[in-house]
Amino acid sequence: MDINIQSIHFDADIKLIDFIKKKLGKLETLNNKVINTEVFLKLDNAVDNSNKITEIKLHLPGKTLFAKEQCKTFEEATDLSIESLRRQLSKLKN
């Protein structure tokens, strides 16, 4: 699976990138037909601390799955986004 991570308006550190790749690798066990994955990390101009946004697009043959979460940390937003994609993959399988 090809993973493309883009951080918008900031530079993501290696630990965050490795964390995202490790979590996305676990999705491949649910569906091995994943063509590629696009991850967008954004900082929102929100007033509160929940200003980190993770968007993930999972490209499958003939279908694209999408999840977006906004939380206090990128790790938390990534976990929630991947959990959403896991549910979508499970529904797609059944």
N, C-alpha and C. Protein backbone atom coordinates (compact mmCIF):
# COMPACT_ATOMS: atom_id res chain seq x y z
N MET A 1 0.85 -1.17 0.00
CA MET A 1 0.00 0.00 0.00
C MET A 1 0.90 1.24 0.00
N ASP A 2 0.60 2.15 -0.90
CA ASP A 2 1.34 3.40 -1.02
C ASP A 2 0.67 4.45 -0.11
N ILE A 3 1.45 5.06 0.79
CA ILE A 3 0.92 6.04 1.73
C ILE A 3 1.56 7.39 1.45
N ASN A 4 0.73 8.40 1.19
CA ASN A 4 1.20 9.76 0.94
C ASN A 4 0.69 10.66 2.07
N ILE A 5 1.62 11.23 2.85
CA ILE A 5 1.26 12.08 3.98
C ILE A 5 1.66 13.51 3.67
N GLN A 6 0.70 14.43 3.78
CA GLN A 6 0.97 15.84 3.54
C GLN A 6 0.58 16.64 4.79
N SER A 7 1.53 17.40 5.29
CA SER A 7 1.23 18.29 6.41
C SER A 7 1.13 19.71 5.84
N ILE A 8 0.01 20.35 6.12
CA ILE A 8 -0.29 21.65 5.53
C ILE A 8 0.00 22.75 6.55
N HIS A 9 0.85 23.68 6.18
CA HIS A 9 1.25 24.84 6.98
C HIS A 9 2.11 24.50 8.20
N PHE A 10 2.70 23.30 8.22
CA PHE A 10 3.65 22.94 9.26
C PHE A 10 4.42 21.71 8.80
N ASP A 11 5.51 21.38 9.48
CA ASP A 11 6.30 20.19 9.16
C ASP A 11 6.03 19.11 10.20
N ALA A 12 5.52 17.98 9.75
CA ALA A 12 5.25 16.86 10.66
C ALA A 12 6.57 16.19 11.02
N ASP A 13 6.69 15.80 12.29
CA ASP A 13 7.92 15.13 12.71
C ASP A 13 7.87 13.65 12.36
N ILE A 14 9.03 13.02 12.40
CA ILE A 14 9.17 11.62 12.00
C ILE A 14 8.32 10.70 12.87
N LYS A 15 8.22 10.98 14.18
CA LYS A 15 7.43 10.13 15.07
C LYS A 15 5.97 10.10 14.66
N LEU A 16 5.42 11.25 14.28
CA LEU A 16 4.02 11.32 13.85
C LEU A 16 3.82 10.56 12.55
N ILE A 17 4.72 10.72 11.61
CA ILE A 17 4.63 10.01 10.32
C ILE A 17 4.71 8.51 10.52
N ASP A 18 5.64 8.06 11.36
CA ASP A 18 5.76 6.62 11.64
C ASP A 18 4.51 6.09 12.33
N PHE A 19 3.94 6.87 13.25
CA PHE A 19 2.72 6.48 13.94
C PHE A 19 1.58 6.28 12.94
N ILE A 20 1.43 7.21 12.01
CA ILE A 20 0.35 7.13 11.02
C ILE A 20 0.55 5.92 10.11
N LYS A 21 1.78 5.71 9.64
CA LYS A 21 2.05 4.57 8.76
C LYS A 21 1.80 3.24 9.45
N LYS A 22 2.17 3.14 10.73
CA LYS A 22 1.95 1.91 11.49
C LYS A 22 0.45 1.62 11.62
N LYS A 23 -0.33 2.65 11.96
CA LYS A 23 -1.78 2.49 12.11
C LYS A 23 -2.44 2.13 10.78
N LEU A 24 -2.02 2.77 9.70
CA LEU A 24 -2.62 2.48 8.39
C LEU A 24 -2.24 1.08 7.92
N GLY A 25 -1.07 0.60 8.29
CA GLY A 25 -0.66 -0.74 7.91
C GLY A 25 -1.59 -1.79 8.47
N LYS A 26 -2.18 -1.52 9.63
CA LYS A 26 -3.12 -2.47 10.23
C LYS A 26 -4.42 -2.56 9.45
N LEU A 27 -4.77 -1.49 8.72
CA LEU A 27 -5.99 -1.53 7.89
C LEU A 27 -5.84 -2.49 6.73
N GLU A 28 -4.61 -2.70 6.29
CA GLU A 28 -4.38 -3.57 5.15
C GLU A 28 -4.76 -5.02 5.46
N THR A 29 -4.79 -5.39 6.73
CA THR A 29 -5.20 -6.75 7.09
C THR A 29 -6.69 -6.95 6.85
N LEU A 30 -7.47 -5.86 6.91
CA LEU A 30 -8.91 -5.96 6.65
C LEU A 30 -9.23 -6.06 5.17
N ASN A 31 -8.44 -5.37 4.35
CA ASN A 31 -8.68 -5.38 2.91
C ASN A 31 -7.34 -5.18 2.21
N ASN A 32 -6.87 -6.21 1.53
CA ASN A 32 -5.55 -6.13 0.88
C ASN A 32 -5.63 -5.53 -0.52
N LYS A 33 -6.78 -5.01 -0.91
CA LYS A 33 -6.94 -4.41 -2.24
C LYS A 33 -6.78 -2.89 -2.22
N VAL A 34 -6.25 -2.36 -1.13
CA VAL A 34 -6.05 -0.91 -1.02
C VAL A 34 -4.98 -0.49 -2.02
N ILE A 35 -5.31 0.45 -2.89
CA ILE A 35 -4.37 0.92 -3.91
C ILE A 35 -3.39 1.91 -3.29
N ASN A 36 -3.92 2.97 -2.72
CA ASN A 36 -3.07 3.94 -2.04
C ASN A 36 -3.89 4.72 -1.02
N THR A 37 -3.18 5.44 -0.18
CA THR A 37 -3.81 6.21 0.89
C THR A 37 -3.22 7.62 0.91
N GLU A 38 -4.10 8.60 1.04
CA GLU A 38 -3.67 9.99 1.17
C GLU A 38 -4.06 10.48 2.55
N VAL A 39 -3.10 11.08 3.26
CA VAL A 39 -3.35 11.62 4.59
C VAL A 39 -3.01 13.10 4.56
N PHE A 40 -3.95 13.92 5.05
CA PHE A 40 -3.74 15.36 5.13
C PHE A 40 -3.81 15.77 6.59
N LEU A 41 -2.75 16.40 7.07
CA LEU A 41 -2.70 16.91 8.44
C LEU A 41 -2.78 18.43 8.37
N LYS A 42 -3.76 19.00 9.08
CA LYS A 42 -3.97 20.44 9.01
C LYS A 42 -4.09 21.02 10.41
N LEU A 43 -3.68 22.27 10.54
CA LEU A 43 -3.90 23.03 11.76
C LEU A 43 -5.03 24.02 11.50
N ASP A 44 -6.07 23.95 12.32
CA ASP A 44 -7.22 24.83 12.17
C ASP A 44 -6.99 26.07 13.03
N ASN A 45 -7.63 27.16 12.68
CA ASN A 45 -7.52 28.40 13.46
C ASN A 45 -8.59 28.48 14.53
N ALA A 46 -8.91 27.34 15.13
CA ALA A 46 -9.95 27.30 16.16
C ALA A 46 -9.45 27.97 17.43
N VAL A 47 -10.40 28.47 18.20
CA VAL A 47 -10.08 29.17 19.45
C VAL A 47 -9.65 28.17 20.53
N ASP A 48 -10.30 27.01 20.57
CA ASP A 48 -9.97 26.02 21.60
C ASP A 48 -8.78 25.15 21.17
N ASN A 49 -8.44 24.18 21.99
CA ASN A 49 -7.28 23.32 21.73
C ASN A 49 -7.52 22.28 20.65
N SER A 50 -8.76 22.03 20.30
CA SER A 50 -9.08 21.01 19.29
C SER A 50 -8.89 21.59 17.89
N ASN A 51 -7.65 21.86 17.54
CA ASN A 51 -7.39 22.51 16.26
C ASN A 51 -6.58 21.64 15.30
N LYS A 52 -6.42 20.36 15.60
CA LYS A 52 -5.66 19.47 14.72
C LYS A 52 -6.61 18.57 13.95
N ILE A 53 -6.49 18.61 12.63
CA ILE A 53 -7.40 17.88 11.75
C ILE A 53 -6.61 16.82 10.97
N THR A 54 -7.14 15.61 10.95
CA THR A 54 -6.59 14.53 10.14
C THR A 54 -7.66 14.10 9.14
N GLU A 55 -7.32 14.12 7.86
CA GLU A 55 -8.21 13.63 6.80
C GLU A 55 -7.50 12.47 6.12
N ILE A 56 -8.21 11.37 5.92
CA ILE A 56 -7.62 10.20 5.27
C ILE A 56 -8.54 9.75 4.14
N LYS A 57 -7.94 9.60 2.95
CA LYS A 57 -8.64 9.04 1.79
C LYS A 57 -8.02 7.69 1.49
N LEU A 58 -8.85 6.66 1.46
CA LEU A 58 -8.40 5.30 1.19
C LEU A 58 -8.95 4.91 -0.17
N HIS A 59 -8.06 4.70 -1.13
CA HIS A 59 -8.48 4.38 -2.50
C HIS A 59 -8.48 2.87 -2.71
N LEU A 60 -9.66 2.35 -3.07
CA LEU A 60 -9.85 0.95 -3.40
C LEU A 60 -10.27 0.87 -4.86
N PRO A 61 -10.18 -0.30 -5.49
CA PRO A 61 -10.64 -0.40 -6.87
C PRO A 61 -12.13 -0.03 -6.98
N GLY A 62 -12.42 1.06 -7.69
CA GLY A 62 -13.79 1.49 -7.91
C GLY A 62 -14.43 2.23 -6.75
N LYS A 63 -13.70 2.53 -5.70
CA LYS A 63 -14.29 3.16 -4.52
C LYS A 63 -13.23 3.96 -3.76
N THR A 64 -13.66 5.05 -3.12
CA THR A 64 -12.79 5.83 -2.26
C THR A 64 -13.49 6.01 -0.92
N LEU A 65 -12.81 5.64 0.16
CA LEU A 65 -13.35 5.83 1.50
C LEU A 65 -12.68 7.07 2.11
N PHE A 66 -13.43 7.80 2.93
CA PHE A 66 -12.92 9.06 3.48
C PHE A 66 -13.30 9.18 4.96
N ALA A 67 -12.35 9.69 5.74
CA ALA A 67 -12.62 9.97 7.15
C ALA A 67 -11.91 11.25 7.54
N LYS A 68 -12.57 12.05 8.39
CA LYS A 68 -12.00 13.31 8.85
C LYS A 68 -12.34 13.48 10.32
N GLU A 69 -11.33 13.81 11.12
CA GLU A 69 -11.54 14.03 12.55
C GLU A 69 -10.75 15.25 13.01
N GLN A 70 -11.28 15.93 14.01
CA GLN A 70 -10.62 17.10 14.58
C GLN A 70 -10.52 16.89 16.09
N CYS A 71 -9.29 16.94 16.62
CA CYS A 71 -9.04 16.68 18.04
C CYS A 71 -7.93 17.57 18.57
N LYS A 72 -7.55 17.32 19.82
CA LYS A 72 -6.47 18.08 20.44
C LYS A 72 -5.09 17.67 19.94
N THR A 73 -4.95 16.39 19.52
CA THR A 73 -3.66 15.92 19.00
C THR A 73 -3.88 15.22 17.67
N PHE A 74 -2.82 15.20 16.86
CA PHE A 74 -2.91 14.49 15.59
C PHE A 74 -3.04 12.99 15.81
N GLU A 75 -2.42 12.47 16.85
CA GLU A 75 -2.51 11.04 17.14
C GLU A 75 -3.95 10.63 17.44
N GLU A 76 -4.63 11.42 18.24
CA GLU A 76 -6.03 11.13 18.58
C GLU A 76 -6.92 11.24 17.35
N ALA A 77 -6.72 12.27 16.55
CA ALA A 77 -7.51 12.45 15.32
C ALA A 77 -7.24 11.31 14.34
N THR A 78 -5.99 10.86 14.27
CA THR A 78 -5.64 9.74 13.39
C THR A 78 -6.31 8.47 13.86
N ASP A 79 -6.26 8.19 15.16
CA ASP A 79 -6.91 6.99 15.71
C ASP A 79 -8.40 6.97 15.38
N LEU A 80 -9.08 8.09 15.58
CA LEU A 80 -10.52 8.15 15.31
C LEU A 80 -10.82 8.01 13.82
N SER A 81 -9.98 8.61 12.98
CA SER A 81 -10.18 8.50 11.53
C SER A 81 -9.99 7.07 11.06
N ILE A 82 -8.97 6.41 11.58
CA ILE A 82 -8.70 5.03 11.17
C ILE A 82 -9.80 4.10 11.68
N GLU A 83 -10.33 4.36 12.86
CA GLU A 83 -11.43 3.56 13.37
C GLU A 83 -12.66 3.73 12.47
N SER A 84 -12.91 4.94 12.00
CA SER A 84 -14.01 5.18 11.07
C SER A 84 -13.80 4.41 9.76
N LEU A 85 -12.57 4.43 9.27
CA LEU A 85 -12.27 3.69 8.04
C LEU A 85 -12.40 2.18 8.25
N ARG A 86 -12.03 1.72 9.43
CA ARG A 86 -12.15 0.29 9.75
C ARG A 86 -13.62 -0.13 9.68
N ARG A 87 -14.52 0.70 10.24
CA ARG A 87 -15.96 0.41 10.17
C ARG A 87 -16.45 0.42 8.72
N GLN A 88 -15.97 1.39 7.93
CA GLN A 88 -16.38 1.47 6.53
C GLN A 88 -15.91 0.24 5.76
N LEU A 89 -14.68 -0.21 6.02
CA LEU A 89 -14.16 -1.42 5.35
C LEU A 89 -14.95 -2.64 5.75
N SER A 90 -15.33 -2.74 7.01
CA SER A 90 -16.13 -3.89 7.48
C SER A 90 -17.49 -3.92 6.80
N LYS A 91 -18.12 -2.75 6.68
CA LYS A 91 -19.42 -2.68 5.98
C LYS A 91 -19.27 -3.05 4.52
N LEU A 92 -18.18 -2.63 3.91
CA LEU A 92 -17.94 -2.90 2.51
C LEU A 92 -17.74 -4.39 2.26
N LYS A 93 -17.09 -5.06 3.22
CA LYS A 93 -16.83 -6.49 3.10
C LYS A 93 -18.10 -7.31 3.16
N ASN A 94 -19.05 -6.89 4.02
CA ASN A 94 -20.30 -7.65 4.23
C ASN A 94 -21.34 -7.34 3.24
